[in-house]
Amino acid sequence: PKPSKNETKLSDAEQFCLKLLLVPNIETRMNSYLLKFTMRSQFDDLKAVIDAHTLGICGIKMSRTFLTLLRGTLVLGNYMNYGGRLGGAAGFRLNLLPKLQDVRCSDGSNSSLLEYLVKRIVKATGADSKSLREEIPQLASKEIKVPLQDVVASLNNIENALSDAKYDVDSPDSEEVKVEIIVNEQQQQPNAKVDDGDGSDAEGSSVAGEGDAPFVSLEIVADAYHSVMGSFIEEATVEKNDLLDSVTKTKEAFSQMVSYFGENAAALKSETEFWSIVSELAEAYHRIHKQTMKDMKAEEEKESWRLKREKAKSMAAVEDQAGSRKAVKYKRTGYGTCPIHDEPEHYVPWDGQGGSEPQ
């Protein structure tokens, strides 16, 4: 329909919103399309949470570092509690692991029991040693901190929204809308030539010939709401059911993993309680592991420098047996904890006459 005089004073956006109000059930349709446009991001976020839990479960069971740490903790705990009622234990609760940072050595170093264990593990595994966070990167992710029950709740909300949209599409009261868009509207131009009855043509002002009418070009756009939303609801329902199956399998895998370590999954408030314990341990382990690897590298550089100095002295002693000599070439060296100095690199025979003193 042609806009009224008052409507023409509105902006294009305001006129568009006014036209939308003429569409039946516009609010329900807008909510359905909003669901369609945001569904993909919701599914991706929920899938990322499920994947983080799945990979974390596999990683914690396959982690050599985690298993070595558990074994070392049990051995040291039994050693420290030898002869007491806590000695000779077959295992311990996993929530005790973060407390390893609170147990301090009595040798004056103020290092913790966790530091001692990490250093022993690094020494045993050498340069290939990895921290828990490196072996299981999911422990540092934000997705693993989201309980699986929250994922189920989100999927249930999506299911309700899809049901509402499906009800609107299948409702017998739902009618298809034909949208008429005016493309062009033309009337006879003021300078059109009009026959004045005597056979001559004269230019008229706005006189239209008999039978003339405004020329209107219309485009009829069919309502695609039902077909578009119908296919979307079917595809989204299938993907939602697949995610629900994945959550169920992940929950079962989590229960098996917790039982593998001697814990009871039913005693935990949620998966987050377990992952919080392991994540706290992983952060502390990573910090100590990083410093330990740095100290180990410095010790290796220092030892390498010491061996080079001993080798140089040994070579000098051999050359001294053949006579005096003096250094003629030096190189600037020094790294790590070793000061920068000039180290002799090449010697020549020296007869004791002139020049510098023999080296």
Foldseek 3Di string as FASTA:
>chain_A
DDDDPVLVVDDPVVNVVVVLVVAPPSVLLVLLVVCLVCVVVLLVLLVVLLVLLQLQLVLCVPPPVNVLLQVVVLVVQLVVQPPHPSHPDPHDDLLCLLVQQVAADPPPPRGGNLLVSLLVVCVVVDPPDDFSCVSRVSLPDPSPLDFLVVSVVVLVVSVVSLVSSVCQLPPPPNDWDKDKDWDDKAFDAQQDWDDPPPPDIDGHGRDDDPPGDIDTDIDIDTGCSNVVSVVSSVVSVVSSVVSVVSSVVSVVSVQVSCVVNVHGCVPDPGSNVVSVSVSSSRVVSNVSNVVSVVVVVLVVVVVVVVVVVVVVVVVVVVVVVVHFKAADDWDWDDDRPGDTDTDGDDIDHDPPPDDDDTD
